Amino acid sequence: MRARAVRAGDLLIGEFTDDHGQPRHLLHFEEPVTAAPAPLTVPCWAACCWDEPERDVTRYVRLVPAADDDTPCEVYAINAPVLVIPAADRPQSEGAKS
């Protein structure tokens, strides 16, 4: 699904490379990560949130905010494809609307 469709509680299990016109490759995460989507306007104090402060907040979403400097955060373009297991309470058809 697209990053913009990820909801809180979904499990992120992989992401796709951005190979600029070439076929995308799936990169599986070593461990699933529970999504807690937040716009980039929500404060994040970890160093990973400072990497690109010039990002357009309307075109990116933070799917996993970092709790501290030792916890990675995950920032994606809103249209970036990600591999997700939807949360149990989410209707199956909702994720397919991208």
PDB file of N, CA and C in Angstrom:
ATOM      1  N   MET A   1       0.838  -1.180   0.000  1.00  0.00           N
ATOM      2  CA  MET A   1       0.000   0.000   0.000  1.00  0.00           C
ATOM      3  C   MET A   1       0.883   1.242   0.000  1.00  0.00           C
ATOM      4  N   ARG A   2       0.300   2.361  -0.285  1.00  0.00           N
ATOM      5  CA  ARG A   2       1.036   3.629  -0.241  1.00  0.00           C
ATOM      6  C   ARG A   2       1.203   4.077   1.207  1.00  0.00           C
ATOM      7  N   ALA A   3       2.267   4.776   1.491  1.00  0.00           N
ATOM      8  CA  ALA A   3       2.562   5.217   2.855  1.00  0.00           C
ATOM      9  C   ALA A   3       1.420   6.042   3.448  1.00  0.00           C
ATOM     10  N   ARG A   4       0.744   6.817   2.616  1.00  0.00           N
ATOM     11  CA  ARG A   4      -0.354   7.654   3.124  1.00  0.00           C
ATOM     12  C   ARG A   4      -1.526   6.828   3.652  1.00  0.00           C
ATOM     13  N   ALA A   5      -1.638   5.548   3.257  1.00  0.00           N
ATOM     14  CA  ALA A   5      -2.746   4.693   3.668  1.00  0.00           C
ATOM     15  C   ALA A   5      -2.445   3.891   4.930  1.00  0.00           C
ATOM     16  N   VAL A   6      -1.219   3.937   5.423  1.00  0.00           N
ATOM     17  CA  VAL A   6      -0.846   3.197   6.625  1.00  0.00           C
ATOM     18  C   VAL A   6      -1.537   3.832   7.827  1.00  0.00           C
ATOM     19  N   ARG A   7      -2.078   2.984   8.698  1.00  0.00           N
ATOM     20  CA  ARG A   7      -2.786   3.452   9.890  1.00  0.00           C
ATOM     21  C   ARG A   7      -2.086   2.955  11.151  1.00  0.00           C
ATOM     22  N   ALA A   8      -2.361   3.601  12.251  1.00  0.00           N
ATOM     23  CA  ALA A   8      -1.780   3.204  13.542  1.00  0.00           C
ATOM     24  C   ALA A   8      -2.113   1.748  13.827  1.00  0.00           C
ATOM     25  N   GLY A   9      -1.108   1.006  14.255  1.00  0.00           N
ATOM     26  CA  GLY A   9      -1.290  -0.399  14.579  1.00  0.00           C
ATOM     27  C   GLY A   9      -0.935  -1.346  13.452  1.00  0.00           C
ATOM     28  N   ASP A  10      -0.868  -0.847  12.210  1.00  0.00           N
ATOM     29  CA  ASP A  10      -0.431  -1.690  11.097  1.00  0.00           C
ATOM     30  C   ASP A  10       1.017  -2.096  11.342  1.00  0.00           C
ATOM     31  N   LEU A  11       1.400  -3.265  10.839  1.00  0.00           N
ATOM     32  CA  LEU A  11       2.788  -3.708  10.973  1.00  0.00           C
ATOM     33  C   LEU A  11       3.532  -3.461   9.673  1.00  0.00           C
ATOM     34  N   LEU A  12       4.579  -2.656   9.739  1.00  0.00           N
ATOM     35  CA  LEU A  12       5.452  -2.437   8.583  1.00  0.00           C
ATOM     36  C   LEU A  12       6.416  -3.609   8.530  1.00  0.00           C
ATOM     37  N   ILE A  13       6.447  -4.296   7.380  1.00  0.00           N
ATOM     38  CA  ILE A  13       7.354  -5.435   7.272  1.00  0.00           C
ATOM     39  C   ILE A  13       8.356  -5.278   6.137  1.00  0.00           C
ATOM     40  N   GLY A  14       8.216  -4.217   5.345  1.00  0.00           N
ATOM     41  CA  GLY A  14       9.186  -3.998   4.278  1.00  0.00           C
ATOM     42  C   GLY A  14       8.937  -2.706   3.533  1.00  0.00           C
ATOM     43  N   GLU A  15       9.924  -2.335   2.731  1.00  0.00           N
ATOM     44  CA  GLU A  15       9.814  -1.149   1.891  1.00  0.00           C
ATOM     45  C   GLU A  15      10.399  -1.492   0.528  1.00  0.00           C
ATOM     46  N   PHE A  16      10.132  -0.654  -0.429  1.00  0.00           N
ATOM     47  CA  PHE A  16      10.602  -0.896  -1.784  1.00  0.00           C
ATOM     48  C   PHE A  16      11.647   0.146  -2.163  1.00  0.00           C
ATOM     49  N   THR A  17      12.648  -0.286  -2.909  1.00  0.00           N
ATOM     50  CA  THR A  17      13.675   0.640  -3.367  1.00  0.00           C
ATOM     51  C   THR A  17      13.073   1.616  -4.364  1.00  0.00           C
ATOM     52  N   ASP A  18      13.677   2.756  -4.502  1.00  0.00           N
ATOM     53  CA  ASP A  18      13.281   3.733  -5.515  1.00  0.00           C
ATOM     54  C   ASP A  18      14.383   3.735  -6.560  1.00  0.00           C
ATOM     55  N   ASP A  19      14.204   2.913  -7.582  1.00  0.00           N
ATOM     56  CA  ASP A  19      15.255   2.710  -8.565  1.00  0.00           C
ATOM     57  C   ASP A  19      15.104   3.578  -9.813  1.00  0.00           C
ATOM     58  N   HIS A  20      14.369   4.668  -9.702  1.00  0.00           N
ATOM     59  CA  HIS A  20      14.248   5.663 -10.773  1.00  0.00           C
ATOM     60  C   HIS A  20      14.003   5.044 -12.144  1.00  0.00           C
ATOM     61  N   GLY A  21      12.833   4.444 -12.314  1.00  0.00           N
ATOM     62  CA  GLY A  21      12.453   3.892 -13.603  1.00  0.00           C
ATOM     63  C   GLY A  21      12.764   2.424 -13.775  1.00  0.00           C
ATOM     64  N   GLN A  22      13.569   1.856 -12.901  1.00  0.00           N
ATOM     65  CA  GLN A  22      13.889   0.432 -12.951  1.00  0.00           C
ATOM     66  C   GLN A  22      12.901  -0.316 -12.045  1.00  0.00           C
ATOM     67  N   PRO A  23      12.792  -1.628 -12.199  1.00  0.00           N
ATOM     68  CA  PRO A  23      11.906  -2.389 -11.303  1.00  0.00           C
ATOM     69  C   PRO A  23      12.308  -2.183  -9.841  1.00  0.00           C
ATOM     70  N   ARG A  24      11.307  -2.035  -8.991  1.00  0.00           N
ATOM     71  CA  ARG A  24      11.569  -1.869  -7.556  1.00  0.00           C
ATOM     72  C   ARG A  24      11.923  -3.218  -6.934  1.00  0.00           C
ATOM     73  N   HIS A  25      12.723  -3.177  -5.898  1.00  0.00           N
ATOM     74  CA  HIS A  25      13.083  -4.375  -5.148  1.00  0.00           C
ATOM     75  C   HIS A  25      12.536  -4.234  -3.735  1.00  0.00           C
ATOM     76  N   LEU A  26      12.028  -5.323  -3.206  1.00  0.00           N
ATOM     77  CA  LEU A  26      11.497  -5.345  -1.850  1.00  0.00           C
ATOM     78  C   LEU A  26      12.621  -5.566  -0.852  1.00  0.00           C
ATOM     79  N   LEU A  27      12.649  -4.737   0.168  1.00  0.00           N
ATOM     80  CA  LEU A  27      13.600  -4.882   1.270  1.00  0.00           C
ATOM     81  C   LEU A  27      12.798  -5.230   2.525  1.00  0.00           C
ATOM     82  N   HIS A  28      12.920  -6.464   3.001  1.00  0.00           N
ATOM     83  CA  HIS A  28      12.202  -6.880   4.204  1.00  0.00           C
ATOM     84  C   HIS A  28      12.913  -6.352   5.445  1.00  0.00           C
ATOM     85  N   PHE A  29      12.132  -5.902   6.423  1.00  0.00           N
ATOM     86  CA  PHE A  29      12.697  -5.492   7.703  1.00  0.00           C
ATOM     87  C   PHE A  29      13.072  -6.741   8.498  1.00  0.00           C
ATOM     88  N   GLU A  30      14.103  -6.669   9.319  1.00  0.00           N
ATOM     89  CA  GLU A  30      14.480  -7.805  10.163  1.00  0.00           C
ATOM     90  C   GLU A  30      13.381  -8.129  11.160  1.00  0.00           C
ATOM     91  N   GLU A  31      12.729  -7.093  11.669  1.00  0.00           N
ATOM     92  CA  GLU A  31      11.620  -7.265  12.602  1.00  0.00           C
ATOM     93  C   GLU A  31      10.494  -6.333  12.187  1.00  0.00           C
ATOM     94  N   PRO A  32       9.228  -6.799  12.300  1.00  0.00           N
ATOM     95  CA  PRO A  32       8.110  -5.905  11.989  1.00  0.00           C
ATOM     96  C   PRO A  32       8.123  -4.694  12.915  1.00  0.00           C
ATOM     97  N   VAL A  33       7.643  -3.577  12.407  1.00  0.00           N
ATOM     98  CA  VAL A  33       7.588  -2.339  13.174  1.00  0.00           C
ATOM     99  C   VAL A  33       6.135  -1.877  13.217  1.00  0.00           C
ATOM    100  N   THR A  34       5.627  -1.571  14.401  1.00  0.00           N
ATOM    101  CA  THR A  34       4.253  -1.096  14.532  1.00  0.00           C
ATOM    102  C   THR A  34       4.173   0.365  14.112  1.00  0.00           C
ATOM    103  N   ALA A  35       3.303   0.644  13.174  1.00  0.00           N
ATOM    104  CA  ALA A  35       3.164   2.009  12.653  1.00  0.00           C
ATOM    105  C   ALA A  35       2.431   2.904  13.637  1.00  0.00           C
ATOM    106  N   ALA A  36       2.872   4.141  13.682  1.00  0.00           N
ATOM    107  CA  ALA A  36       2.231   5.207  14.452  1.00  0.00           C
ATOM    108  C   ALA A  36       2.356   6.468  13.606  1.00  0.00           C
ATOM    109  N   PRO A  37       1.613   6.539  12.489  1.00  0.00           N
ATOM    110  CA  PRO A  37       1.780   7.635  11.540  1.00  0.00           C
ATOM    111  C   PRO A  37       1.573   9.020  12.165  1.00  0.00           C
ATOM    112  N   ALA A  38       2.388   9.953  11.703  1.00  0.00           N
ATOM    113  CA  ALA A  38       2.287  11.335  12.152  1.00  0.00           C
ATOM    114  C   ALA A  38       2.845  12.233  11.057  1.00  0.00           C
ATOM    115  N   PRO A  39       2.216  13.369  10.834  1.00  0.00           N
ATOM    116  CA  PRO A  39       2.786  14.300   9.855  1.00  0.00           C
ATOM    117  C   PRO A  39       4.110  14.846  10.373  1.00  0.00           C
ATOM    118  N   LEU A  40       4.936  15.341   9.484  1.00  0.00           N
ATOM    119  CA  LEU A  40       6.235  15.877   9.890  1.00  0.00           C
ATOM    120  C   LEU A  40       6.109  17.128  10.744  1.00  0.00           C
ATOM    121  N   THR A  41       4.911  17.683  10.835  1.00  0.00           N
ATOM    122  CA  THR A  41       4.709  18.856  11.685  1.00  0.00           C
ATOM    123  C   THR A  41       4.629  18.483  13.159  1.00  0.00           C
ATOM    124  N   VAL A  42       4.439  17.184  13.467  1.00  0.00           N
ATOM    125  CA  VAL A  42       4.422  16.725  14.855  1.00  0.00           C
ATOM    126  C   VAL A  42       5.867  16.663  15.334  1.00  0.00           C
ATOM    127  N   PRO A  43       6.176  17.266  16.481  1.00  0.00           N
ATOM    128  CA  PRO A  43       7.566  17.290  16.947  1.00  0.00           C
ATOM    129  C   PRO A  43       8.173  15.908  17.120  1.00  0.00           C
ATOM    130  N   CYS A  44       9.413  15.791  16.746  1.00  0.00           N
ATOM    131  CA  CYS A  44      10.204  14.566  16.921  1.00  0.00           C
ATOM    132  C   CYS A  44      11.584  15.031  17.345  1.00  0.00           C
ATOM    133  N   TRP A  45      12.087  14.484  18.414  1.00  0.00           N
ATOM    134  CA  TRP A  45      13.332  15.002  18.965  1.00  0.00           C
ATOM    135  C   TRP A  45      14.543  14.154  18.623  1.00  0.00           C
ATOM    136  N   ALA A  46      14.359  13.047  17.965  1.00  0.00           N
ATOM    137  CA  ALA A  46      15.492  12.180  17.638  1.00  0.00           C
ATOM    138  C   ALA A  46      16.292  12.755  16.474  1.00  0.00           C
ATOM    139  N   ALA A  47      17.557  12.388  16.409  1.00  0.00           N
ATOM    140  CA  ALA A  47      18.441  12.904  15.364  1.00  0.00           C
ATOM    141  C   ALA A  47      17.945  12.557  13.963  1.00  0.00           C
ATOM    142  N   CYS A  48      17.290  11.396  13.788  1.00  0.00           N
ATOM    143  CA  CYS A  48      16.824  11.012  12.454  1.00  0.00           C
ATOM    144  C   CYS A  48      15.773  11.983  11.923  1.00  0.00           C
ATOM    145  N   CYS A  49      15.109  12.684  12.783  1.00  0.00           N
ATOM    146  CA  CYS A  49      14.099  13.656  12.345  1.00  0.00           C
ATOM    147  C   CYS A  49      14.729  14.970  11.894  1.00  0.00           C
ATOM    148  N   TRP A  50      16.005  15.161  12.188  1.00  0.00           N
ATOM    149  CA  TRP A  50      16.683  16.398  11.810  1.00  0.00           C
ATOM    150  C   TRP A  50      17.382  16.280  10.472  1.00  0.00           C
ATOM    151  N   ASP A  51      17.478  15.062   9.928  1.00  0.00           N
ATOM    152  CA  ASP A  51      18.265  14.838   8.718  1.00  0.00           C
ATOM    153  C   ASP A  51      17.864  15.719   7.550  1.00  0.00           C
ATOM    154  N   GLU A  52      16.584  15.871   7.321  1.00  0.00           N
ATOM    155  CA  GLU A  52      16.127  16.642   6.174  1.00  0.00           C
ATOM    156  C   GLU A  52      14.997  17.600   6.574  1.00  0.00           C
ATOM    157  N   PRO A  53      15.319  18.657   7.293  1.00  0.00           N
ATOM    158  CA  PRO A  53      14.268  19.571   7.755  1.00  0.00           C
ATOM    159  C   PRO A  53      13.590  20.328   6.616  1.00  0.00           C
ATOM    160  N   GLU A  54      14.194  20.308   5.421  1.00  0.00           N
ATOM    161  CA  GLU A  54      13.594  21.034   4.305  1.00  0.00           C
ATOM    162  C   GLU A  54      12.504  20.221   3.602  1.00  0.00           C
ATOM    163  N   ARG A  55      12.228  19.008   4.044  1.00  0.00           N
ATOM    164  CA  ARG A  55      11.182  18.193   3.419  1.00  0.00           C
ATOM    165  C   ARG A  55       9.857  18.920   3.443  1.00  0.00           C
ATOM    166  N   ASP A  56       9.130  18.794   2.354  1.00  0.00           N
ATOM    167  CA  ASP A  56       7.796  19.373   2.239  1.00  0.00           C
ATOM    168  C   ASP A  56       6.845  18.550   3.102  1.00  0.00           C
ATOM    169  N   VAL A  57       6.314  19.144   4.162  1.00  0.00           N
ATOM    170  CA  VAL A  57       5.480  18.396   5.108  1.00  0.00           C
ATOM    171  C   VAL A  57       4.186  17.894   4.482  1.00  0.00           C
ATOM    172  N   THR A  58       3.802  18.391   3.314  1.00  0.00           N
ATOM    173  CA  THR A  58       2.596  17.901   2.649  1.00  0.00           C
ATOM    174  C   THR A  58       2.891  16.677   1.783  1.00  0.00           C
ATOM    175  N   ARG A  59       4.171  16.371   1.552  1.00  0.00           N
ATOM    176  CA  ARG A  59       4.531  15.258   0.668  1.00  0.00           C
ATOM    177  C   ARG A  59       5.193  14.092   1.393  1.00  0.00           C
ATOM    178  N   TYR A  60       5.412  14.220   2.702  1.00  0.00           N
ATOM    179  CA  TYR A  60       6.064  13.164   3.472  1.00  0.00           C
ATOM    180  C   TYR A  60       5.277  12.872   4.736  1.00  0.00           C
ATOM    181  N   VAL A  61       5.414  11.653   5.227  1.00  0.00           N
ATOM    182  CA  VAL A  61       4.771  11.249   6.476  1.00  0.00           C
ATOM    183  C   VAL A  61       5.775  10.430   7.283  1.00  0.00           C
ATOM    184  N   ARG A  62       5.737  10.615   8.570  1.00  0.00           N
ATOM    185  CA  ARG A  62       6.581   9.823   9.467  1.00  0.00           C
ATOM    186  C   ARG A  62       5.722   8.652   9.932  1.00  0.00           C
ATOM    187  N   LEU A  63       6.051   7.444   9.494  1.00  0.00           N
ATOM    188  CA  LEU A  63       5.251   6.278   9.864  1.00  0.00           C
ATOM    189  C   LEU A  63       5.622   5.726  11.222  1.00  0.00           C
ATOM    190  N   VAL A  64       6.863   5.943  11.629  1.00  0.00           N
ATOM    191  CA  VAL A  64       7.308   5.472  12.936  1.00  0.00           C
ATOM    192  C   VAL A  64       8.122   6.585  13.582  1.00  0.00           C
ATOM    193  N   PRO A  65       7.488   7.394  14.434  1.00  0.00           N
ATOM    194  CA  PRO A  65       8.253   8.428  15.135  1.00  0.00           C
ATOM    195  C   PRO A  65       9.244   7.787  16.103  1.00  0.00           C
ATOM    196  N   ALA A  66      10.394   8.377  16.241  1.00  0.00           N
ATOM    197  CA  ALA A  66      11.413   7.870  17.159  1.00  0.00           C
ATOM    198  C   ALA A  66      11.122   8.337  18.575  1.00  0.00           C
ATOM    199  N   ALA A  67      11.341   7.444  19.507  1.00  0.00           N
ATOM    200  CA  ALA A  67      11.139   7.792  20.911  1.00  0.00           C
ATOM    201  C   ALA A  67      12.347   8.519  21.479  1.00  0.00           C
ATOM    202  N   ASP A  68      13.541   8.197  20.953  1.00  0.00           N
ATOM    203  CA  ASP A  68      14.771   8.816  21.428  1.00  0.00           C
ATOM    204  C   ASP A  68      15.835   8.669  20.338  1.00  0.00           C
ATOM    205  N   ASP A  69      17.035   9.116  20.626  1.00  0.00           N
ATOM    206  CA  ASP A  69      18.102   9.061  19.619  1.00  0.00           C
ATOM    207  C   ASP A  69      18.511   7.641  19.240  1.00  0.00           C
ATOM    208  N   ASP A  70      18.196   6.671  20.076  1.00  0.00           N
ATOM    209  CA  ASP A  70      18.569   5.288  19.787  1.00  0.00           C
ATOM    210  C   ASP A  70      17.492   4.537  19.003  1.00  0.00           C
ATOM    211  N   THR A  71      16.344   5.144  18.810  1.00  0.00           N
ATOM    212  CA  THR A  71      15.236   4.503  18.116  1.00  0.00           C
ATOM    213  C   THR A  71      15.106   5.120  16.730  1.00  0.00           C
ATOM    214  N   PRO A  72      15.187   4.309  15.692  1.00  0.00           N
ATOM    215  CA  PRO A  72      15.070   4.888  14.345  1.00  0.00           C
ATOM    216  C   PRO A  72      13.640   5.331  14.039  1.00  0.00           C
ATOM    217  N   CYS A  73      13.513   6.380  13.256  1.00  0.00           N
ATOM    218  CA  CYS A  73      12.194   6.767  12.766  1.00  0.00           C
ATOM    219  C   CYS A  73      12.153   6.435  11.283  1.00  0.00           C
ATOM    220  N   GLU A  74      10.956   6.320  10.751  1.00  0.00           N
ATOM    221  CA  GLU A  74      10.786   5.968   9.346  1.00  0.00           C
ATOM    222  C   GLU A  74       9.970   7.070   8.679  1.00  0.00           C
ATOM    223  N   VAL A  75      10.580   7.780   7.735  1.00  0.00           N
ATOM    224  CA  VAL A  75       9.926   8.860   6.995  1.00  0.00           C
ATOM    225  C   VAL A  75       9.829   8.437   5.540  1.00  0.00           C
ATOM    226  N   TYR A  76       8.636   8.575   4.962  1.00  0.00           N
ATOM    227  CA  TYR A  76       8.387   8.165   3.580  1.00  0.00           C
ATOM    228  C   TYR A  76       7.640   9.252   2.831  1.00  0.00           C
ATOM    229  N   ALA A  77       7.850   9.288   1.527  1.00  0.00           N
ATOM    230  CA  ALA A  77       6.988  10.097   0.666  1.00  0.00           C
ATOM    231  C   ALA A  77       5.587   9.495   0.765  1.00  0.00           C
ATOM    232  N   ILE A  78       4.559  10.316   0.718  1.00  0.00           N
ATOM    233  CA  ILE A  78       3.202   9.807   0.928  1.00  0.00           C
ATOM    234  C   ILE A  78       2.789   8.766  -0.112  1.00  0.00           C
ATOM    235  N   ASN A  79       3.368   8.801  -1.305  1.00  0.00           N
ATOM    236  CA  ASN A  79       3.029   7.833  -2.347  1.00  0.00           C
ATOM    237  C   ASN A  79       3.982   6.646  -2.408  1.00  0.00           C
ATOM    238  N   ALA A  80       4.948   6.572  -1.515  1.00  0.00           N
ATOM    239  CA  ALA A  80       5.908   5.469  -1.522  1.00  0.00           C
ATOM    240  C   ALA A  80       5.202   4.164  -1.163  1.00  0.00           C
ATOM    241  N   PRO A  81       5.487   3.084  -1.907  1.00  0.00           N
ATOM    242  CA  PRO A  81       4.890   1.801  -1.547  1.00  0.00           C
ATOM    243  C   PRO A  81       5.626   1.174  -0.370  1.00  0.00           C
ATOM    244  N   VAL A  82       4.861   0.623   0.558  1.00  0.00           N
ATOM    245  CA  VAL A  82       5.423  -0.086   1.699  1.00  0.00           C
ATOM    246  C   VAL A  82       4.664  -1.401   1.866  1.00  0.00           C
ATOM    247  N   LEU A  83       5.330  -2.394   2.426  1.00  0.00           N
ATOM    248  CA  LEU A  83       4.707  -3.692   2.660  1.00  0.00           C
ATOM    249  C   LEU A  83       4.198  -3.716   4.091  1.00  0.00           C
ATOM    250  N   VAL A  84       2.899  -3.964   4.239  1.00  0.00           N
ATOM    251  CA  VAL A  84       2.234  -3.814   5.521  1.00  0.00           C
ATOM    252  C   VAL A  84       1.314  -5.002   5.782  1.00  0.00           C
ATOM    253  N   ILE A  85       1.244  -5.405   7.039  1.00  0.00           N
ATOM    254  CA  ILE A  85       0.178  -6.295   7.497  1.00  0.00           C
ATOM    255  C   ILE A  85      -0.803  -5.388   8.230  1.00  0.00           C
ATOM    256  N   PRO A  86      -2.028  -5.244   7.693  1.00  0.00           N
ATOM    257  CA  PRO A  86      -2.995  -4.354   8.345  1.00  0.00           C
ATOM    258  C   PRO A  86      -3.322  -4.808   9.766  1.00  0.00           C
ATOM    259  N   ALA A  87      -3.615  -3.845  10.624  1.00  0.00           N
ATOM    260  CA  ALA A  87      -4.016  -4.152  11.993  1.00  0.00           C
ATOM    261  C   ALA A  87      -5.274  -5.010  11.955  1.00  0.00           C
ATOM    262  N   ALA A  88      -5.450  -5.833  12.964  1.00  0.00           N
ATOM    263  CA  ALA A  88      -6.572  -6.773  12.997  1.00  0.00           C
ATOM    264  C   ALA A  88      -7.927  -6.084  12.936  1.00  0.00           C
ATOM    265  N   ASP A  89      -8.052  -4.886  13.474  1.00  0.00           N
ATOM    266  CA  ASP A  89      -9.349  -4.205  13.504  1.00  0.00           C
ATOM    267  C   ASP A  89      -9.599  -3.350  12.262  1.00  0.00           C
ATOM    268  N   ARG A  90      -8.718  -3.430  11.275  1.00  0.00           N
ATOM    269  CA  ARG A  90      -8.862  -2.629  10.063  1.00  0.00           C
ATOM    270  C   ARG A  90      -9.527  -3.462   8.968  1.00  0.00           C
ATOM    271  N   PRO A  91     -10.533  -2.925   8.283  1.00  0.00           N
ATOM    272  CA  PRO A  91     -11.143  -3.670   7.185  1.00  0.00           C
ATOM    273  C   PRO A  91     -10.119  -3.956   6.095  1.00  0.00           C
ATOM    274  N   GLN A  92     -10.129  -5.179   5.540  1.00  0.00           N
ATOM    275  CA  GLN A  92      -9.166  -5.577   4.535  1.00  0.00           C
ATOM    276  C   GLN A  92      -9.205  -4.694   3.290  1.00  0.00           C
ATOM    277  N   SER A  93     -10.358  -4.252   2.853  1.00  0.00           N
ATOM    278  CA  SER A  93     -10.463  -3.480   1.615  1.00  0.00           C
ATOM    279  C   SER A  93      -9.927  -2.066   1.752  1.00  0.00           C
ATOM    280  N   GLU A  94      -9.790  -1.537   2.972  1.00  0.00           N
ATOM    281  CA  GLU A  94      -9.350  -0.159   3.166  1.00  0.00           C
ATOM    282  C   GLU A  94      -7.945   0.075   2.628  1.00  0.00           C
ATOM    283  N   GLY A  95      -7.018  -0.854   2.834  1.00  0.00           N
ATOM    284  CA  GLY A  95      -5.637  -0.692   2.388  1.00  0.00           C
ATOM    285  C   GLY A  95      -5.481  -0.750   0.884  1.00  0.00           C
ATOM    286  N   ALA A  96      -6.455  -1.299   0.187  1.00  0.00           N
ATOM    287  CA  ALA A  96      -6.349  -1.463  -1.268  1.00  0.00           C
ATOM    288  C   ALA A  96      -6.746  -0.219  -2.039  1.00  0.00           C
ATOM    289  N   LYS A  97      -7.151   0.832  -1.354  1.00  0.00           N
ATOM    290  CA  LYS A  97      -7.626   2.048  -2.031  1.00  0.00           C
ATOM    291  C   LYS A  97      -6.520   3.027  -2.332  1.00  0.00           C
ATOM    292  N   SER A  98      -5.383   2.613  -2.828  1.00  0.00           N
ATOM    293  CA  SER A  98      -4.316   3.573  -3.074  1.00  0.00           C
ATOM    294  C   SER A  98      -4.190   3.957  -4.488  1.00  0.00           C
TER     295      SER A  98
END
